[in-house]
């Protein structure tokens, strides 16, 4: 039998050094949401049941106030909360003004910050994450206004960029959140270390 038969190099086993190195080089996503939830919810119907026999009920004008807050949780985790306060008012410009309903909702999430520069952490937490939460905020408010016996509340899009800029101009932002997240990385800039511990979850 001839010794000239072609020889084949053995293939590296699955999970070998090549694949391990490739996995290590895989870029980390900028953020990861571990959980989202209703943190607080209150619904008041101060004029019920008399208001439902009042023709003025169809002229309820809802007024909405939106705010965003953040709280560092450690290990590059941050809680982001969208606070939505809705007041349904009848004849808001008249002395006989009445409150038809009041809904207060705090909707939050726990988000892990990944491969993000320090200067981008604040806009991510104050704008991008609230935009992702807003459809859930809108759905809860619509359902609560309906269950309270009033017209379904259809909220328009919220300008989270404007809210962020206003709070920044007014000095109402706490830079400590971004600083805390950045300090938990290897070089203090917001860039993640080569390896990181991801809490058990998804």
N, C-alpha and C. Protein backbone atom coordinates (compact mmCIF):
# COMPACT_ATOMS: atom_id res chain seq x y z
N UNK A 1 0.86 -1.19 0.00
CA UNK A 1 0.00 0.00 0.00
C UNK A 1 0.89 1.24 0.00
N UNK A 2 0.57 2.20 -0.87
CA UNK A 2 1.45 3.37 -1.03
C UNK A 2 1.35 4.30 0.16
N UNK A 3 2.52 4.92 0.47
CA UNK A 3 2.53 5.93 1.54
C UNK A 3 2.27 7.33 1.01
N UNK A 4 1.95 7.43 -0.30
CA UNK A 4 1.77 8.75 -0.91
C UNK A 4 0.34 9.27 -0.78
N UNK A 5 -0.53 8.57 -0.05
CA UNK A 5 -1.92 9.01 0.09
C UNK A 5 -1.95 10.37 0.78
N UNK A 6 -2.83 11.27 0.31
CA UNK A 6 -2.90 12.62 0.91
C UNK A 6 -3.27 12.54 2.38
N UNK A 7 -2.63 13.40 3.15
CA UNK A 7 -2.89 13.44 4.58
C UNK A 7 -3.75 14.67 4.90
N UNK A 8 -4.68 14.49 5.81
CA UNK A 8 -5.56 15.59 6.21
C UNK A 8 -5.21 16.00 7.64
N UNK A 9 -5.19 17.33 7.83
CA UNK A 9 -4.91 17.86 9.16
C UNK A 9 -6.15 17.71 10.03
N UNK A 10 -6.00 17.30 11.27
CA UNK A 10 -7.17 17.19 12.14
C UNK A 10 -7.79 18.56 12.41
N UNK A 11 -9.14 18.61 12.42
CA UNK A 11 -9.85 19.85 12.68
C UNK A 11 -9.91 20.10 14.18
N UNK A 12 -9.81 21.36 14.56
CA UNK A 12 -9.88 21.65 16.00
C UNK A 12 -11.23 21.27 16.55
N UNK A 13 -11.24 20.76 17.77
CA UNK A 13 -12.50 20.37 18.39
C UNK A 13 -13.35 21.58 18.67
N UNK A 14 -14.67 21.34 18.69
CA UNK A 14 -15.61 22.44 18.97
C UNK A 14 -15.27 23.07 20.31
N UNK A 15 -15.31 24.40 20.34
CA UNK A 15 -14.98 25.10 21.57
C UNK A 15 -13.50 25.22 21.80
N UNK A 16 -12.68 24.99 20.76
CA UNK A 16 -11.24 25.08 20.88
C UNK A 16 -10.77 26.51 20.99
N UNK A 17 -9.43 26.70 20.96
CA UNK A 17 -8.89 28.05 21.14
C UNK A 17 -9.39 29.05 20.13
N UNK A 18 -9.56 28.60 18.83
CA UNK A 18 -10.00 29.54 17.80
C UNK A 18 -11.38 30.10 18.13
N UNK A 19 -12.31 29.21 18.51
CA UNK A 19 -13.66 29.68 18.81
C UNK A 19 -13.67 30.48 20.10
N UNK A 20 -12.87 30.10 21.06
CA UNK A 20 -12.82 30.85 22.32
C UNK A 20 -12.33 32.27 22.09
N UNK A 21 -11.29 32.41 21.25
CA UNK A 21 -10.77 33.74 20.95
C UNK A 21 -11.81 34.57 20.21
N UNK A 22 -12.54 33.92 19.28
CA UNK A 22 -13.56 34.65 18.53
C UNK A 22 -14.66 35.14 19.46
N UNK A 23 -15.03 34.30 20.42
CA UNK A 23 -16.08 34.70 21.36
C UNK A 23 -15.61 35.85 22.23
N UNK A 24 -14.32 35.82 22.59
CA UNK A 24 -13.78 36.88 23.43
C UNK A 24 -13.75 38.21 22.69
N UNK A 25 -13.57 38.15 21.36
CA UNK A 25 -13.51 39.37 20.56
C UNK A 25 -14.90 39.89 20.18
N UNK A 26 -15.94 39.13 20.46
CA UNK A 26 -17.29 39.56 20.09
C UNK A 26 -17.65 40.82 20.85
N UNK A 27 -18.07 41.87 20.14
CA UNK A 27 -18.35 43.14 20.82
C UNK A 27 -19.53 43.01 21.77
N UNK A 28 -19.41 43.68 22.88
CA UNK A 28 -20.49 43.68 23.87
C UNK A 28 -21.55 44.70 23.46
N UNK A 29 -22.84 44.39 23.59
CA UNK A 29 -23.88 45.36 23.22
C UNK A 29 -23.85 46.55 24.17
N UNK A 30 -24.34 47.71 23.72
CA UNK A 30 -24.27 48.91 24.56
C UNK A 30 -25.12 48.81 25.83
N UNK A 31 -26.18 48.02 25.80
CA UNK A 31 -26.99 47.86 27.00
C UNK A 31 -27.77 46.57 26.91
N UNK A 32 -28.27 46.15 28.06
CA UNK A 32 -29.09 44.94 28.14
C UNK A 32 -30.13 45.14 29.23
N UNK A 33 -31.40 45.05 28.88
CA UNK A 33 -32.48 45.22 29.84
C UNK A 33 -32.76 43.87 30.50
N UNK A 34 -32.61 43.83 31.82
CA UNK A 34 -32.82 42.59 32.56
C UNK A 34 -34.27 42.42 32.99
N UNK A 35 -34.96 43.51 33.28
CA UNK A 35 -36.35 43.42 33.72
C UNK A 35 -37.03 44.77 33.51
N UNK A 36 -38.32 44.74 33.24
CA UNK A 36 -39.12 45.96 33.21
C UNK A 36 -40.42 45.69 33.95
N UNK A 37 -40.98 46.75 34.57
CA UNK A 37 -42.02 46.51 35.55
C UNK A 37 -42.77 47.81 35.88
N UNK A 38 -43.99 47.64 36.41
CA UNK A 38 -44.72 48.75 37.01
C UNK A 38 -44.20 48.91 38.43
N UNK A 39 -43.59 50.03 38.71
CA UNK A 39 -43.03 50.30 40.04
C UNK A 39 -44.09 50.86 40.98
N UNK A 40 -44.96 51.70 40.42
CA UNK A 40 -46.04 52.28 41.23
C UNK A 40 -47.17 52.68 40.30
N UNK A 41 -48.41 52.53 40.77
CA UNK A 41 -49.58 52.86 39.95
C UNK A 41 -50.71 53.28 40.87
N UNK A 42 -51.30 54.44 40.54
CA UNK A 42 -52.42 54.95 41.31
C UNK A 42 -53.47 55.50 40.35
N UNK A 43 -54.73 55.15 40.60
CA UNK A 43 -55.85 55.64 39.79
C UNK A 43 -56.92 56.20 40.73
N UNK A 44 -57.33 57.44 40.48
CA UNK A 44 -58.36 58.07 41.30
C UNK A 44 -59.50 58.54 40.40
N UNK A 45 -60.73 58.37 40.92
CA UNK A 45 -61.95 58.79 40.22
C UNK A 45 -62.76 59.64 41.19
N UNK A 46 -62.30 60.84 41.51
CA UNK A 46 -62.88 61.60 42.62
C UNK A 46 -64.34 62.02 42.42
N UNK A 47 -64.80 62.12 41.17
CA UNK A 47 -66.15 62.58 40.92
C UNK A 47 -67.15 61.45 40.66
N UNK A 48 -66.68 60.21 40.73
CA UNK A 48 -67.57 59.08 40.45
C UNK A 48 -68.51 58.86 41.65
N UNK A 49 -69.77 58.40 41.38
CA UNK A 49 -70.33 58.07 40.07
C UNK A 49 -71.07 59.23 39.42
N UNK A 50 -71.21 60.36 40.13
CA UNK A 50 -72.05 61.45 39.60
C UNK A 50 -71.56 61.96 38.25
N UNK A 51 -70.25 61.92 38.04
CA UNK A 51 -69.71 62.50 36.81
C UNK A 51 -70.19 61.77 35.56
N UNK A 52 -70.53 60.49 35.71
CA UNK A 52 -70.92 59.71 34.53
C UNK A 52 -72.33 60.05 34.04
N UNK A 53 -73.06 60.86 34.79
CA UNK A 53 -74.36 61.36 34.33
C UNK A 53 -74.28 62.83 33.91
N UNK A 54 -73.08 63.37 33.95
CA UNK A 54 -72.86 64.78 33.59
C UNK A 54 -72.46 64.86 32.11
N UNK A 55 -73.19 65.63 31.29
CA UNK A 55 -72.82 65.75 29.87
C UNK A 55 -71.40 66.29 29.66
N UNK A 56 -70.86 66.99 30.65
CA UNK A 56 -69.53 67.57 30.51
C UNK A 56 -68.43 66.52 30.50
N UNK A 57 -68.75 65.27 30.82
CA UNK A 57 -67.73 64.24 30.87
C UNK A 57 -67.06 64.05 29.51
N UNK A 58 -67.80 64.36 28.45
CA UNK A 58 -67.23 64.19 27.12
C UNK A 58 -66.28 65.33 26.75
N UNK A 59 -66.15 66.29 27.64
CA UNK A 59 -65.24 67.40 27.38
C UNK A 59 -64.02 67.35 28.32
N UNK A 60 -63.74 66.18 28.84
CA UNK A 60 -62.56 66.03 29.70
C UNK A 60 -61.29 66.28 28.88
N UNK A 61 -60.42 67.10 29.43
CA UNK A 61 -59.15 67.39 28.76
C UNK A 61 -58.00 66.85 29.61
N UNK A 62 -57.36 65.79 29.12
CA UNK A 62 -56.25 65.22 29.90
C UNK A 62 -54.99 66.08 29.77
N UNK A 63 -54.30 66.25 30.88
CA UNK A 63 -53.02 66.94 30.91
C UNK A 63 -51.98 65.96 31.44
N UNK A 64 -50.87 65.83 30.70
CA UNK A 64 -49.88 64.80 30.99
C UNK A 64 -48.55 65.45 31.35
N UNK A 65 -47.94 64.95 32.40
CA UNK A 65 -46.58 65.36 32.78
C UNK A 65 -45.69 64.13 32.80
N UNK A 66 -44.54 64.22 32.13
CA UNK A 66 -43.60 63.10 32.03
C UNK A 66 -42.27 63.49 32.65
N UNK A 67 -41.68 62.57 33.37
CA UNK A 67 -40.35 62.78 33.94
C UNK A 67 -39.57 61.47 33.84
N UNK A 68 -38.25 61.57 33.88
CA UNK A 68 -37.36 60.41 33.83
C UNK A 68 -36.36 60.52 34.96
N UNK A 69 -36.21 59.44 35.72
CA UNK A 69 -35.22 59.40 36.80
C UNK A 69 -34.37 58.15 36.65
N UNK A 70 -33.15 58.21 37.20
CA UNK A 70 -32.24 57.07 37.16
C UNK A 70 -31.67 56.83 38.55
N UNK A 71 -31.26 55.58 38.78
CA UNK A 71 -30.67 55.22 40.08
C UNK A 71 -29.67 54.09 39.87
N UNK A 72 -28.39 54.30 40.20
CA UNK A 72 -27.39 53.24 40.02
C UNK A 72 -27.64 52.10 41.00
N UNK A 73 -27.50 50.86 40.50
CA UNK A 73 -27.73 49.67 41.30
C UNK A 73 -26.45 48.89 41.57
N UNK A 74 -25.34 49.29 40.96
CA UNK A 74 -24.09 48.56 41.13
C UNK A 74 -23.87 47.57 40.01
N UNK A 75 -22.61 47.18 39.80
CA UNK A 75 -22.24 46.20 38.76
C UNK A 75 -22.74 46.62 37.38
N UNK A 76 -22.63 47.92 37.11
CA UNK A 76 -23.05 48.51 35.82
C UNK A 76 -24.54 48.40 35.57
N UNK A 77 -25.33 48.16 36.60
CA UNK A 77 -26.79 48.13 36.48
C UNK A 77 -27.38 49.46 36.94
N UNK A 78 -28.40 49.92 36.21
CA UNK A 78 -29.07 51.19 36.53
C UNK A 78 -30.58 50.98 36.43
N UNK A 79 -31.30 51.56 37.36
CA UNK A 79 -32.75 51.59 37.24
C UNK A 79 -33.16 52.88 36.54
N UNK A 80 -33.97 52.76 35.48
CA UNK A 80 -34.53 53.90 34.76
C UNK A 80 -36.03 53.87 34.95
N UNK A 81 -36.61 54.99 35.40
CA UNK A 81 -38.05 55.05 35.66
C UNK A 81 -38.66 56.21 34.87
N UNK A 82 -39.71 55.91 34.12
CA UNK A 82 -40.51 56.93 33.45
C UNK A 82 -41.73 57.20 34.32
N UNK A 83 -41.86 58.42 34.80
CA UNK A 83 -42.99 58.82 35.63
C UNK A 83 -43.99 59.57 34.77
N UNK A 84 -45.23 59.09 34.73
CA UNK A 84 -46.29 59.73 33.94
C UNK A 84 -47.45 60.07 34.86
N UNK A 85 -47.79 61.35 34.96
CA UNK A 85 -48.93 61.81 35.76
C UNK A 85 -49.95 62.41 34.81
N UNK A 86 -51.17 61.86 34.85
CA UNK A 86 -52.23 62.30 33.95
C UNK A 86 -53.40 62.80 34.79
N UNK A 87 -53.84 64.01 34.51
CA UNK A 87 -55.00 64.58 35.18
C UNK A 87 -56.06 64.91 34.13
N UNK A 88 -57.23 64.27 34.22
CA UNK A 88 -58.35 64.59 33.34
C UNK A 88 -59.18 65.69 33.95
N UNK A 89 -59.24 66.83 33.28
CA UNK A 89 -59.90 68.01 33.85
C UNK A 89 -61.10 68.43 33.02
N UNK A 90 -62.13 68.90 33.70
CA UNK A 90 -63.33 69.44 33.07
C UNK A 90 -63.33 70.95 33.29
N UNK A 91 -63.49 71.71 32.20
CA UNK A 91 -63.46 73.17 32.24
C UNK A 91 -62.21 73.67 32.96
N UNK A 92 -61.03 73.31 32.44
CA UNK A 92 -59.79 73.67 33.14
C UNK A 92 -59.54 75.16 33.27
N UNK A 93 -60.19 75.97 32.41
CA UNK A 93 -59.95 77.41 32.44
C UNK A 93 -61.07 78.18 33.15
N UNK A 94 -61.99 77.46 33.78
CA UNK A 94 -63.12 78.09 34.44
C UNK A 94 -63.02 77.93 35.95
N UNK A 95 -63.69 78.82 36.71
CA UNK A 95 -63.67 78.68 38.17
C UNK A 95 -64.27 77.36 38.65
N UNK A 96 -65.14 76.78 37.82
CA UNK A 96 -65.80 75.53 38.20
C UNK A 96 -65.00 74.29 37.78
N UNK A 97 -63.70 74.46 37.56
CA UNK A 97 -62.86 73.35 37.12
C UNK A 97 -63.00 72.16 38.07
N UNK A 98 -63.06 70.95 37.46
CA UNK A 98 -63.14 69.72 38.26
C UNK A 98 -62.16 68.70 37.71
N UNK A 99 -61.70 67.83 38.58
CA UNK A 99 -60.82 66.74 38.17
C UNK A 99 -61.66 65.50 37.96
N UNK A 100 -61.68 65.01 36.72
CA UNK A 100 -62.48 63.83 36.40
C UNK A 100 -61.75 62.55 36.81
N UNK A 101 -60.45 62.51 36.56
CA UNK A 101 -59.67 61.34 36.96
C UNK A 101 -58.21 61.73 37.11
N UNK A 102 -57.47 60.89 37.83
CA UNK A 102 -56.05 61.13 38.05
C UNK A 102 -55.33 59.79 38.01
N UNK A 103 -54.32 59.69 37.14
CA UNK A 103 -53.52 58.47 37.02
C UNK A 103 -52.06 58.83 37.23
N UNK A 104 -51.41 58.12 38.13
CA UNK A 104 -49.99 58.31 38.38
C UNK A 104 -49.29 56.97 38.18
N UNK A 105 -48.37 56.94 37.24
CA UNK A 105 -47.68 55.69 36.88
C UNK A 105 -46.18 55.89 36.92
N UNK A 106 -45.49 54.98 37.57
CA UNK A 106 -44.02 54.91 37.52
C UNK A 106 -43.67 53.57 36.89
N UNK A 107 -43.12 53.62 35.68
CA UNK A 107 -42.78 52.39 34.95
C UNK A 107 -41.27 52.34 34.79
N UNK A 108 -40.66 51.25 35.25
CA UNK A 108 -39.20 51.20 35.28
C UNK A 108 -38.60 49.97 34.65
N UNK A 109 -37.28 49.98 34.59
CA UNK A 109 -36.53 48.83 34.11
C UNK A 109 -35.17 48.82 34.78
N UNK A 110 -34.57 47.63 34.82
CA UNK A 110 -33.19 47.47 35.28
C UNK A 110 -32.35 47.18 34.05
N UNK A 111 -31.42 48.08 33.73
CA UNK A 111 -30.64 47.96 32.51
C UNK A 111 -29.15 47.88 32.85
N UNK A 112 -28.46 46.98 32.18
CA UNK A 112 -27.01 46.85 32.34
C UNK A 112 -26.32 47.61 31.22
N UNK A 113 -25.42 48.51 31.58
CA UNK A 113 -24.70 49.31 30.60
C UNK A 113 -23.48 48.54 30.14
N UNK A 114 -23.31 48.44 28.83
CA UNK A 114 -22.20 47.69 28.26
C UNK A 114 -21.15 48.58 27.64
N UNK A 115 -20.89 48.36 26.34
CA UNK A 115 -19.80 49.05 25.64
C UNK A 115 -20.21 50.46 25.25
N UNK A 116 -20.20 51.35 26.23
CA UNK A 116 -20.63 52.74 26.01
C UNK A 116 -19.60 53.67 26.63
N UNK A 117 -19.19 54.69 25.89
CA UNK A 117 -18.30 55.71 26.43
C UNK A 117 -19.02 56.50 27.52
N UNK A 118 -18.26 57.06 28.44
CA UNK A 118 -18.84 57.75 29.59
C UNK A 118 -19.78 58.87 29.15
N UNK A 119 -19.38 59.65 28.13
CA UNK A 119 -20.19 60.79 27.72
C UNK A 119 -21.51 60.37 27.06
N UNK A 120 -21.63 59.09 26.68
CA UNK A 120 -22.86 58.62 26.05
C UNK A 120 -23.79 57.93 27.04
N UNK A 121 -23.34 57.71 28.27
CA UNK A 121 -24.16 56.99 29.25
C UNK A 121 -25.41 57.79 29.61
N UNK A 122 -25.24 59.08 29.87
CA UNK A 122 -26.37 59.91 30.29
C UNK A 122 -27.46 59.98 29.21
N UNK A 123 -27.14 60.30 27.94
CA UNK A 123 -28.18 60.29 26.91
C UNK A 123 -28.84 58.92 26.73
N UNK A 124 -28.06 57.86 26.89
CA UNK A 124 -28.63 56.52 26.77
C UNK A 124 -29.69 56.30 27.83
N UNK A 125 -29.38 56.68 29.07
CA UNK A 125 -30.31 56.45 30.17
C UNK A 125 -31.50 57.40 30.15
N UNK A 126 -31.30 58.61 29.68
CA UNK A 126 -32.35 59.63 29.74
C UNK A 126 -33.20 59.71 28.47
N UNK A 127 -32.70 59.18 27.35
CA UNK A 127 -33.43 59.31 26.09
C UNK A 127 -33.74 57.94 25.47
N UNK A 128 -32.69 57.16 25.19
CA UNK A 128 -32.89 55.91 24.46
C UNK A 128 -33.71 54.90 25.25
N UNK A 129 -33.35 54.66 26.50
CA UNK A 129 -34.08 53.69 27.30
C UNK A 129 -35.53 54.14 27.54
N UNK A 130 -35.80 55.41 27.91
CA UNK A 130 -37.20 55.84 28.03
C UNK A 130 -38.01 55.66 26.74
N UNK A 131 -37.37 55.86 25.59
CA UNK A 131 -38.08 55.63 24.33
C UNK A 131 -38.53 54.17 24.20
N UNK A 132 -37.69 53.25 24.66
CA UNK A 132 -38.06 51.84 24.61
C UNK A 132 -39.19 51.52 25.59
N UNK A 133 -39.22 52.21 26.71
CA UNK A 133 -40.25 51.96 27.72
C UNK A 133 -41.58 52.63 27.39
N UNK A 134 -41.56 53.67 26.58
CA UNK A 134 -42.76 54.49 26.37
C UNK A 134 -43.96 53.71 25.84
N UNK A 135 -43.81 52.78 24.87
CA UNK A 135 -45.00 52.05 24.41
C UNK A 135 -45.71 51.30 25.54
N UNK A 136 -44.96 50.82 26.52
CA UNK A 136 -45.57 50.13 27.66
C UNK A 136 -46.25 51.12 28.59
N UNK A 137 -45.64 52.29 28.77
CA UNK A 137 -46.26 53.35 29.56
C UNK A 137 -47.59 53.76 28.93
N UNK A 138 -47.57 53.97 27.63
CA UNK A 138 -48.78 54.39 26.92
C UNK A 138 -49.87 53.33 27.03
N UNK A 139 -49.50 52.05 26.93
CA UNK A 139 -50.50 50.98 27.00
C UNK A 139 -51.15 50.92 28.38
N UNK A 140 -50.35 51.08 29.44
CA UNK A 140 -50.91 51.04 30.80
C UNK A 140 -51.85 52.21 31.02
N UNK A 141 -51.47 53.41 30.59
CA UNK A 141 -52.30 54.58 30.78
C UNK A 141 -53.61 54.45 30.01
N UNK A 142 -53.55 53.92 28.81
CA UNK A 142 -54.77 53.73 28.02
C UNK A 142 -55.72 52.76 28.71
N UNK A 143 -55.16 51.67 29.21
CA UNK A 143 -55.99 50.66 29.88
C UNK A 143 -56.58 51.21 31.17
N UNK A 144 -55.81 51.96 31.93
CA UNK A 144 -56.32 52.49 33.19
C UNK A 144 -57.40 53.54 32.98
N UNK A 145 -57.25 54.40 31.98
CA UNK A 145 -58.29 55.42 31.71
C UNK A 145 -59.58 54.75 31.27
N UNK A 146 -59.47 53.68 30.50
CA UNK A 146 -60.66 52.94 30.07
C UNK A 146 -61.32 52.25 31.25
N UNK A 147 -60.51 51.59 32.09
CA UNK A 147 -61.07 50.88 33.24
C UNK A 147 -61.68 51.83 34.26
N UNK A 148 -61.24 53.09 34.26
CA UNK A 148 -61.82 54.08 35.16
C UNK A 148 -63.14 54.62 34.63
N UNK A 149 -63.54 54.16 33.44
CA UNK A 149 -64.83 54.56 32.89
C UNK A 149 -64.78 55.76 31.97
N UNK A 150 -63.57 56.20 31.62
CA UNK A 150 -63.43 57.38 30.76
C UNK A 150 -62.96 56.97 29.37
N UNK A 151 -62.86 57.97 28.50
CA UNK A 151 -62.37 57.68 27.15
C UNK A 151 -60.94 57.15 27.23
N UNK A 152 -60.61 56.29 26.28
CA UNK A 152 -59.25 55.74 26.24
C UNK A 152 -58.26 56.87 25.97
N UNK A 153 -57.24 56.94 26.79
CA UNK A 153 -56.22 57.97 26.64
C UNK A 153 -55.24 57.55 25.56
N UNK A 154 -55.13 58.35 24.52
CA UNK A 154 -54.20 58.08 23.42
C UNK A 154 -53.08 59.11 23.49
N UNK A 155 -51.97 58.71 24.07
CA UNK A 155 -50.87 59.64 24.26
C UNK A 155 -50.06 59.82 22.99
N UNK A 156 -49.73 61.05 22.63
CA UNK A 156 -48.83 61.28 21.49
C UNK A 156 -47.41 60.95 21.89
N UNK A 157 -46.49 60.89 20.91
CA UNK A 157 -45.08 60.63 21.25
C UNK A 157 -44.53 61.69 22.20
N UNK A 158 -43.58 61.29 23.02
CA UNK A 158 -42.98 62.19 24.01
C UNK A 158 -41.58 62.59 23.54
N UNK A 159 -41.26 63.86 23.68
CA UNK A 159 -39.94 64.37 23.30
C UNK A 159 -38.97 64.16 24.46
N UNK A 160 -38.39 62.99 24.55
CA UNK A 160 -37.46 62.70 25.64
C UNK A 160 -36.16 63.48 25.49
N UNK A 161 -35.80 63.82 24.26
CA UNK A 161 -34.61 64.67 24.06
C UNK A 161 -34.84 66.04 24.69
N UNK A 162 -36.04 66.59 24.49
CA UNK A 162 -36.36 67.88 25.08
C UNK A 162 -36.37 67.82 26.61
N UNK A 163 -36.91 66.74 27.17
CA UNK A 163 -36.92 66.59 28.63
C UNK A 163 -35.49 66.52 29.16
N UNK A 164 -34.64 65.76 28.47
CA UNK A 164 -33.24 65.61 28.88
C UNK A 164 -32.52 66.96 28.84
N UNK A 165 -32.70 67.70 27.75
CA UNK A 165 -32.03 68.99 27.62
C UNK A 165 -32.51 69.98 28.67
N UNK A 166 -33.81 69.98 28.93
CA UNK A 166 -34.36 70.91 29.92
C UNK A 166 -33.81 70.60 31.31
N UNK A 167 -33.79 69.33 31.68
CA UNK A 167 -33.28 68.96 33.00
C UNK A 167 -31.79 69.28 33.12
N UNK A 168 -31.07 69.11 32.02
CA UNK A 168 -29.64 69.43 32.03
C UNK A 168 -29.43 70.93 32.20
N UNK A 169 -30.22 71.75 31.51
CA UNK A 169 -30.10 73.20 31.63
C UNK A 169 -30.48 73.68 33.02
N UNK A 170 -31.46 73.00 33.64
CA UNK A 170 -31.91 73.40 34.96
C UNK A 170 -31.03 72.83 36.08
N UNK A 171 -30.05 72.05 35.71
CA UNK A 171 -29.17 71.46 36.71
C UNK A 171 -29.85 70.38 37.54
N UNK A 172 -30.85 69.72 36.95
CA UNK A 172 -31.61 68.70 37.69
C UNK A 172 -31.10 67.29 37.44
N UNK A 173 -30.04 67.15 36.65
CA UNK A 173 -29.49 65.82 36.40
C UNK A 173 -28.39 65.51 37.40
N UNK A 174 -28.40 64.28 37.89
CA UNK A 174 -27.36 63.83 38.81
C UNK A 174 -26.29 63.10 38.02
N UNK A 175 -25.14 63.73 37.87
CA UNK A 175 -24.06 63.11 37.10
C UNK A 175 -23.49 61.90 37.80
N UNK A 176 -23.91 61.67 39.04
CA UNK A 176 -23.36 60.54 39.80
C UNK A 176 -23.68 59.20 39.18
N UNK A 177 -24.81 59.08 38.47
CA UNK A 177 -25.16 57.80 37.87
C UNK A 177 -24.16 57.41 36.79
N UNK A 178 -23.89 58.34 35.86
CA UNK A 178 -22.92 58.06 34.80
C UNK A 178 -21.53 57.83 35.39
N UNK A 179 -21.17 58.61 36.40
CA UNK A 179 -19.86 58.44 37.03
C UNK A 179 -19.74 57.07 37.69
N UNK A 180 -20.83 56.65 38.35
CA UNK A 180 -20.81 55.36 39.05
C UNK A 180 -20.66 54.21 38.07
N UNK A 181 -21.38 54.30 36.94
CA UNK A 181 -21.30 53.23 35.94
C UNK A 181 -19.91 53.20 35.33
N UNK A 182 -19.37 54.38 34.98
CA UNK A 182 -18.04 54.43 34.37
C UNK A 182 -16.96 53.95 35.33
N UNK A 183 -17.14 54.21 36.62
CA UNK A 183 -16.14 53.81 37.59
C UNK A 183 -16.07 52.30 37.77
N UNK A 184 -17.10 51.60 37.34
CA UNK A 184 -17.14 50.15 37.49
C UNK A 184 -16.51 49.42 36.30
N UNK A 185 -15.92 50.17 35.36
CA UNK A 185 -15.23 49.59 34.23
C UNK A 185 -13.74 49.60 34.48
N UNK A 186 -12.99 49.04 33.52
CA UNK A 186 -11.55 48.86 33.73
C UNK A 186 -10.79 50.17 33.82
N UNK A 187 -11.13 51.15 32.96
CA UNK A 187 -10.32 52.36 32.90
C UNK A 187 -11.06 53.62 33.29
N UNK A 188 -12.30 53.48 33.76
CA UNK A 188 -13.03 54.65 34.24
C UNK A 188 -13.60 55.52 33.15
N UNK A 189 -13.58 55.08 31.89
CA UNK A 189 -14.11 55.89 30.80
C UNK A 189 -15.50 55.47 30.39
N UNK A 190 -15.98 54.35 30.87
CA UNK A 190 -17.25 53.82 30.42
C UNK A 190 -17.07 52.62 29.52
N UNK A 191 -15.84 52.34 29.11
CA UNK A 191 -15.60 51.16 28.29
C UNK A 191 -15.55 49.93 29.19
N UNK A 192 -16.19 48.84 28.78
CA UNK A 192 -16.24 47.66 29.65
C UNK A 192 -14.89 46.98 29.74
N UNK A 193 -14.65 46.26 30.82
CA UNK A 193 -13.41 45.47 30.92
C UNK A 193 -13.43 44.31 29.96
N UNK A 194 -12.29 43.63 29.83
CA UNK A 194 -12.20 42.51 28.88
C UNK A 194 -13.20 41.43 29.21
N UNK A 195 -13.42 41.17 30.48
CA UNK A 195 -14.44 40.19 30.89
C UNK A 195 -15.31 40.86 31.93
N UNK A 196 -16.57 40.47 31.95
CA UNK A 196 -17.50 41.04 32.91
C UNK A 196 -18.42 39.96 33.41
N UNK A 197 -18.91 40.15 34.60
CA UNK A 197 -19.84 39.20 35.20
C UNK A 197 -21.25 39.67 34.92
N UNK A 198 -22.02 38.87 34.21
CA UNK A 198 -23.39 39.20 33.88
C UNK A 198 -24.29 38.52 34.88
N UNK A 199 -25.16 39.29 35.59
CA UNK A 199 -26.05 38.69 36.56
C UNK A 199 -26.94 37.63 35.91
N UNK A 200 -27.30 36.61 36.68
CA UNK A 200 -28.20 35.57 36.16
C UNK A 200 -29.50 36.21 35.73
N UNK A 201 -30.02 35.76 34.63
CA UNK A 201 -31.27 36.33 34.13
C UNK A 201 -31.63 35.70 32.82
N UNK A 202 -31.82 36.60 31.81
CA UNK A 202 -32.34 36.16 30.52
C UNK A 202 -31.51 35.03 29.95
